[in-house]
């Protein structure tokens, strides 16, 4: 008999970001979709589950680029030769064409977890052929900037044993609560650890320090690495720019207090915190046109938003 899945409470930087933008969106993302993968689920729950898997064009770019880099780094960590850049680009273009056709044809409605569903197709957003080409070109640009960079040269010289983690979903415990983290790449150096963060689009957000603090605390718990020896390097792949950050223990304490407060705010809206049960109506809907228009759950949420450009 298969194991029964349970929706347990957890925290992450992305969950906090969603909760701050719109509590109702947070409910859809972490409660409303639950059991939507089951054949016996009701129609609305199934639709929420399908919508949860959608990705916008910028998200699609990030996912494709991260997947390419992850495969290459996993090969390095295992001592396996990496494909030539030209072959990587060819495979990636073919994958994007398949994703595009599959999404355009709506196949994701039958298998949303495995078939690509693009937000622009689901909501019939006007996107020109040139804009779709620009999306593919951005992927090429990001990958070329990565594979032709000094960063890639350094990574190729890294001993397999010095790759601590490559895009592995991990967590640490804060007052008994799971805090999820996923490091794009963590490399052990002689006197510090480098955490690489690949960025394909937007510049550094307001939660960058929050993310760094979570990474540092995780590495401290998991590997015993002193906080001040964690160096986060953000590689803006579209521009080819690298930025380095560190965090002090005093600042870490302040940020962890923020995380505790965020956890308390989320739990305050639960009907049953012990069993992580939540009712939609308790999570307020924030009706800001710009935010609603880019929300995956617009069609099931119900705000009267004019969707014309």
Protein backbone atom coordinates (compact mmCIF):
# COMPACT_ATOMS: atom_id res chain seq x y z
CA UNK A 1 0.00 0.00 0.00
CA UNK A 2 1.44 3.42 -0.98
CA UNK A 3 2.47 6.00 1.56
CA UNK A 4 -0.19 8.63 2.28
CA UNK A 5 1.04 12.12 1.42
CA UNK A 6 0.60 14.75 4.08
CA UNK A 7 0.68 18.49 3.53
CA UNK A 8 3.10 19.59 6.24
CA UNK A 9 3.94 23.19 7.10
CA UNK A 10 7.29 24.52 5.88
CA UNK A 11 8.87 27.89 5.14
CA UNK A 12 11.06 29.19 2.32
CA UNK A 13 12.11 32.52 0.85
CA UNK A 14 9.78 32.01 -2.13
CA UNK A 15 6.84 31.16 0.16
CA UNK A 16 7.49 34.30 2.15
CA UNK A 17 7.61 36.36 -1.05
CA UNK A 18 4.26 34.95 -2.22
CA UNK A 19 2.65 35.42 1.20
CA UNK A 20 3.72 39.07 1.30
CA UNK A 21 2.47 39.75 -2.22
CA UNK A 22 -0.93 38.09 -1.77
CA UNK A 23 -2.05 35.72 1.02
CA UNK A 24 -4.74 34.27 -1.26
CA UNK A 25 -2.14 33.36 -3.88
CA UNK A 26 -0.14 31.71 -1.09
CA UNK A 27 -3.20 29.64 -0.15
CA UNK A 28 -3.71 28.47 -3.74
CA UNK A 29 -0.01 27.56 -4.05
CA UNK A 30 0.29 25.59 -0.83
CA UNK A 31 -3.21 24.46 0.17
CA UNK A 32 -5.80 24.88 -2.57
CA UNK A 33 -3.99 22.60 -5.02
CA UNK A 34 -3.66 19.69 -2.59
CA UNK A 35 -4.90 16.34 -3.98
CA UNK A 36 -5.49 17.94 -7.40
CA UNK A 37 -3.31 15.23 -8.95
CA UNK A 38 -5.78 12.53 -7.91
CA UNK A 39 -8.36 11.38 -10.45
CA UNK A 40 -11.16 11.72 -7.91
CA UNK A 41 -10.43 15.35 -7.02
CA UNK A 42 -13.14 17.94 -7.59
CA UNK A 43 -13.02 20.15 -10.69
CA UNK A 44 -11.84 23.34 -8.96
CA UNK A 45 -9.06 21.61 -7.02
CA UNK A 46 -7.87 19.97 -10.24
CA UNK A 47 -7.84 23.33 -12.00
CA UNK A 48 -5.87 24.95 -9.17
CA UNK A 49 -3.35 22.10 -9.42
CA UNK A 50 -2.98 22.64 -13.18
CA UNK A 51 -2.60 26.40 -12.77
CA UNK A 52 0.02 25.95 -10.04
CA UNK A 53 2.34 24.25 -12.56
CA UNK A 54 2.19 27.10 -15.10
CA UNK A 55 5.32 29.10 -15.82
CA UNK A 56 5.67 32.49 -17.46
CA UNK A 57 8.22 33.08 -20.22
CA UNK A 58 10.82 34.50 -17.78
CA UNK A 59 10.29 31.51 -15.47
CA UNK A 60 10.64 29.17 -18.46
CA UNK A 61 13.96 30.79 -19.37
CA UNK A 62 15.22 30.36 -15.81
CA UNK A 63 14.12 26.74 -15.61
CA UNK A 64 15.72 25.75 -18.92
CA UNK A 65 19.01 27.52 -18.16
CA UNK A 66 19.21 26.11 -14.63
CA UNK A 67 18.56 22.60 -15.91
CA UNK A 68 21.37 22.84 -18.48
CA UNK A 69 23.86 24.13 -15.93
CA UNK A 70 22.76 21.55 -13.37
CA UNK A 71 23.40 18.68 -15.80
CA UNK A 72 26.86 20.03 -16.59
CA UNK A 73 27.79 20.51 -12.93
CA UNK A 74 26.50 17.07 -11.96
CA UNK A 75 28.73 15.62 -14.67
CA UNK A 76 31.73 17.54 -13.31
CA UNK A 77 30.96 16.33 -9.78
CA UNK A 78 30.90 12.72 -11.05
CA UNK A 79 33.95 13.04 -13.27
CA UNK A 80 31.88 12.66 -16.46
CA UNK A 81 32.84 14.68 -19.58
CA UNK A 82 30.55 17.62 -20.35
CA UNK A 83 29.01 17.97 -23.81
CA UNK A 84 30.37 20.65 -26.17
CA UNK A 85 28.58 23.99 -25.87
CA UNK A 86 27.19 23.76 -29.41
CA UNK A 87 25.57 20.42 -28.59
CA UNK A 88 24.13 21.78 -25.33
CA UNK A 89 22.55 24.69 -27.22
CA UNK A 90 21.13 22.33 -29.86
CA UNK A 91 19.55 20.05 -27.25
CA UNK A 92 18.16 23.06 -25.40
CA UNK A 93 16.59 24.60 -28.51
CA UNK A 94 14.95 21.28 -29.38
CA UNK A 95 13.61 20.94 -25.85
CA UNK A 96 12.15 24.47 -25.98
CA UNK A 97 10.45 23.76 -29.31
CA UNK A 98 8.88 20.64 -27.82
CA UNK A 99 7.80 22.58 -24.73
CA UNK A 100 6.27 25.33 -26.85
CA UNK A 101 4.25 22.96 -29.06
CA UNK A 102 3.11 20.90 -26.08
CA UNK A 103 1.99 24.01 -24.20
CA UNK A 104 0.30 25.57 -27.23
CA UNK A 105 -1.66 22.35 -27.74
CA UNK A 106 -2.73 22.29 -24.09
CA UNK A 107 -1.26 18.88 -23.27
CA UNK A 108 -0.39 20.08 -19.78
CA UNK A 109 -4.06 19.86 -18.81
CA UNK A 110 -3.76 16.06 -18.88
CA UNK A 111 -0.30 15.83 -17.30
CA UNK A 112 0.51 19.19 -15.69
CA UNK A 113 3.42 17.92 -13.59
CA UNK A 114 5.40 16.65 -16.57
CA UNK A 115 4.20 18.60 -19.64
CA UNK A 116 5.18 22.25 -19.93
CA UNK A 117 2.33 24.72 -19.50
CA UNK A 118 3.07 28.35 -20.30
CA UNK A 119 1.14 31.13 -18.60
CA UNK A 120 0.85 33.06 -21.86
CA UNK A 121 -0.90 30.13 -23.56
CA UNK A 122 -3.30 29.41 -20.68
CA UNK A 123 -4.39 33.04 -20.43
CA UNK A 124 -4.13 33.74 -24.18
CA UNK A 125 -1.76 36.64 -23.70
CA UNK A 126 -0.71 38.28 -26.98
CA UNK A 127 2.90 37.29 -27.70
CA UNK A 128 4.42 37.94 -31.12
CA UNK A 129 6.67 35.48 -32.96
CA UNK A 130 9.52 37.93 -32.42
CA UNK A 131 8.93 37.90 -28.66
CA UNK A 132 9.00 34.10 -28.62
CA UNK A 133 12.29 34.21 -30.56
CA UNK A 134 13.63 36.73 -28.04
CA UNK A 135 12.81 34.26 -25.28
CA UNK A 136 14.85 31.53 -26.99
CA UNK A 137 17.65 34.00 -27.74
CA UNK A 138 17.82 34.95 -24.06
CA UNK A 139 18.41 31.30 -23.17
CA UNK A 140 21.21 31.12 -25.75
CA UNK A 141 22.76 34.32 -24.41
CA UNK A 142 22.67 33.14 -20.80
CA UNK A 143 24.19 29.78 -21.65
CA UNK A 144 26.91 31.25 -23.87
CA UNK A 145 27.82 33.76 -21.16
CA UNK A 146 28.06 30.92 -18.66
CA UNK A 147 30.04 28.42 -20.72
CA UNK A 148 32.44 31.09 -22.03
CA UNK A 149 33.06 32.60 -18.59
CA UNK A 150 35.97 32.45 -16.18
CA UNK A 151 33.45 31.04 -13.69
CA UNK A 152 32.95 27.95 -15.86
CA UNK A 153 36.72 27.61 -16.29
CA UNK A 154 37.11 27.65 -12.50
CA UNK A 155 34.33 25.12 -12.01
CA UNK A 156 35.95 22.75 -14.50
CA UNK A 157 39.15 22.89 -12.42
CA UNK A 158 37.25 22.04 -9.23
CA UNK A 159 37.84 18.57 -7.81
CA UNK A 160 34.69 16.41 -7.79
CA UNK A 161 34.93 16.01 -4.00
CA UNK A 162 34.70 19.81 -3.56
CA UNK A 163 31.19 20.00 -5.01
CA UNK A 164 29.08 20.09 -1.85
CA UNK A 165 25.66 20.40 -3.51
CA UNK A 166 24.18 21.02 -6.95
CA UNK A 167 20.49 22.06 -6.99
CA UNK A 168 19.39 19.63 -4.32
CA UNK A 169 16.26 20.44 -2.34
CA UNK A 170 17.45 20.55 1.27
CA UNK A 171 16.28 22.05 4.53
CA UNK A 172 17.29 23.12 7.99
CA UNK A 173 15.20 23.29 11.14
CA UNK A 174 14.36 26.57 12.84
CA UNK A 175 12.49 26.06 16.11
CA UNK A 176 11.30 22.72 14.75
CA UNK A 177 10.01 24.15 11.43
CA UNK A 178 11.46 22.97 8.12
CA UNK A 179 13.02 25.81 6.13
CA UNK A 180 13.59 24.71 2.54
CA UNK A 181 16.66 25.77 0.57
CA UNK A 182 18.02 24.82 -2.83
CA UNK A 183 21.57 25.93 -3.58
CA UNK A 184 22.30 26.24 -7.30
CA UNK A 185 25.86 25.15 -6.56
CA UNK A 186 28.04 25.05 -3.42
CA UNK A 187 31.81 24.66 -3.78
CA UNK A 188 34.30 24.02 -0.98
CA UNK A 189 37.40 26.21 -1.16
CA UNK A 190 40.44 25.95 1.19
CA UNK A 191 39.19 28.63 3.62
CA UNK A 192 35.55 29.25 2.65
CA UNK A 193 32.54 27.95 0.73
CA UNK A 194 31.18 29.60 -2.42
CA UNK A 195 27.45 29.43 -3.05
CA UNK A 196 26.69 30.17 -6.69
CA UNK A 197 23.33 31.67 -7.62
CA UNK A 198 22.48 31.74 -11.34
CA UNK A 199 20.18 34.59 -12.37
CA UNK A 200 18.63 34.84 -15.83
CA UNK A 201 16.39 37.86 -15.47
CA UNK A 202 15.52 40.28 -12.75
CA UNK A 203 18.22 42.03 -10.79
CA UNK A 204 18.83 41.46 -7.12
CA UNK A 205 15.57 41.62 -5.19
CA UNK A 206 14.78 42.88 -1.73
CA UNK A 207 14.99 39.33 -0.34
CA UNK A 208 18.60 38.69 -1.46
CA UNK A 209 19.95 39.09 2.08
CA UNK A 210 17.21 36.81 3.38
CA UNK A 211 18.20 34.14 0.88
CA UNK A 212 21.90 34.46 1.72
CA UNK A 213 21.16 34.16 5.44
CA UNK A 214 19.18 30.96 4.87
CA UNK A 215 21.97 29.48 2.75
CA UNK A 216 24.60 30.38 5.35
CA UNK A 217 22.60 28.97 8.25
CA UNK A 218 21.89 25.77 6.31
CA UNK A 219 25.58 25.25 5.49
CA UNK A 220 26.46 25.92 9.11
CA UNK A 221 23.96 23.30 10.32
CA UNK A 222 24.63 20.71 7.61
CA UNK A 223 28.41 21.01 7.24
CA UNK A 224 29.61 22.98 10.26
CA UNK A 225 30.83 25.88 8.12
CA UNK A 226 31.28 29.17 10.01
CA UNK A 227 28.79 31.81 8.90
CA UNK A 228 31.45 34.34 7.89
CA UNK A 229 33.09 31.77 5.60
CA UNK A 230 30.04 31.48 3.33
CA UNK A 231 30.45 33.63 0.21
CA UNK A 232 27.43 33.99 -2.06
CA UNK A 233 28.21 34.80 -5.69
CA UNK A 234 25.37 35.92 -7.87
CA UNK A 235 26.06 35.39 -11.60
CA UNK A 236 23.77 37.58 -13.73
CA UNK A 237 23.91 35.44 -16.84
CA UNK A 238 22.27 37.89 -19.25
CA UNK A 239 24.96 40.49 -18.53
CA UNK A 240 27.82 38.19 -17.54
CA UNK A 241 28.29 40.07 -14.24
CA UNK A 242 29.26 38.48 -10.90
CA UNK A 243 28.52 39.98 -7.46
CA UNK A 244 29.83 38.62 -4.15
CA UNK A 245 28.15 38.93 -0.74
CA UNK A 246 28.81 37.69 2.78
CA UNK A 247 26.82 37.98 5.98
CA UNK A 248 27.78 38.68 9.59
CA UNK A 249 26.49 36.57 12.48
CA UNK A 250 24.77 39.59 14.06
CA UNK A 251 22.87 40.22 10.83
CA UNK A 252 22.02 36.52 10.59
CA UNK A 253 20.38 36.64 14.02
CA UNK A 254 18.20 39.57 12.93
CA UNK A 255 17.15 37.79 9.74
CA UNK A 256 16.32 34.57 11.56
CA UNK A 257 14.06 36.62 13.83
CA UNK A 258 12.34 37.89 10.67
CA UNK A 259 11.84 34.28 9.52
CA UNK A 260 10.29 33.41 12.88
CA UNK A 261 7.90 36.34 12.51
CA UNK A 262 6.96 35.29 8.98
CA UNK A 263 6.28 31.75 10.17
CA UNK A 264 4.06 33.10 12.94
CA UNK A 265 2.11 35.26 10.46
CA UNK A 266 1.50 32.28 8.16
CA UNK A 267 0.43 30.01 10.98
CA UNK A 268 -1.89 32.65 12.43
CA UNK A 269 -4.18 32.19 9.41
CA UNK A 270 -4.44 28.41 9.73
CA UNK A 271 -7.63 26.79 11.02
CA UNK A 272 -5.61 23.98 12.56
CA UNK A 273 -1.88 24.80 12.89
CA UNK A 274 -1.05 21.37 14.31
CA UNK A 275 -2.39 19.60 11.20
CA UNK A 276 -1.63 22.44 8.76
CA UNK A 277 -5.23 22.93 7.65
CA UNK A 278 -6.32 26.15 6.00
CA UNK A 279 -9.52 27.71 4.66
CA UNK A 280 -9.42 29.93 1.58
CA UNK A 281 -11.49 32.76 3.06
CA UNK A 282 -9.00 33.37 5.86
CA UNK A 283 -6.30 34.35 3.33
CA UNK A 284 -7.04 37.84 2.07
CA UNK A 285 -7.09 38.56 -1.65
CA UNK A 286 -4.92 41.55 -2.56
CA UNK A 287 -6.46 43.14 -5.66
CA UNK A 288 -3.68 44.98 -7.44
CA UNK A 289 -4.19 44.86 -11.19
CA UNK A 290 -0.52 44.44 -12.05
CA UNK A 291 -0.08 41.58 -9.58
CA UNK A 292 -3.37 39.89 -10.50
CA UNK A 293 -2.58 39.94 -14.22
CA UNK A 294 0.59 37.92 -13.69
CA UNK A 295 -0.92 35.51 -11.14
CA UNK A 296 -1.37 31.88 -12.20
CA UNK A 297 -4.62 31.64 -10.24
CA UNK A 298 -6.46 34.62 -11.74
CA UNK A 299 -9.24 32.53 -13.31
CA UNK A 300 -10.08 30.67 -10.09
CA UNK A 301 -9.60 33.60 -7.72
CA UNK A 302 -12.36 35.79 -9.08
CA UNK A 303 -11.31 39.46 -8.88
CA UNK A 304 -12.98 41.62 -11.53
CA UNK A 305 -9.77 42.51 -13.39
CA UNK A 306 -9.74 43.93 -16.91
CA UNK A 307 -7.27 41.69 -18.75
CA UNK A 308 -7.03 43.78 -21.91
CA UNK A 309 -3.51 45.17 -22.49
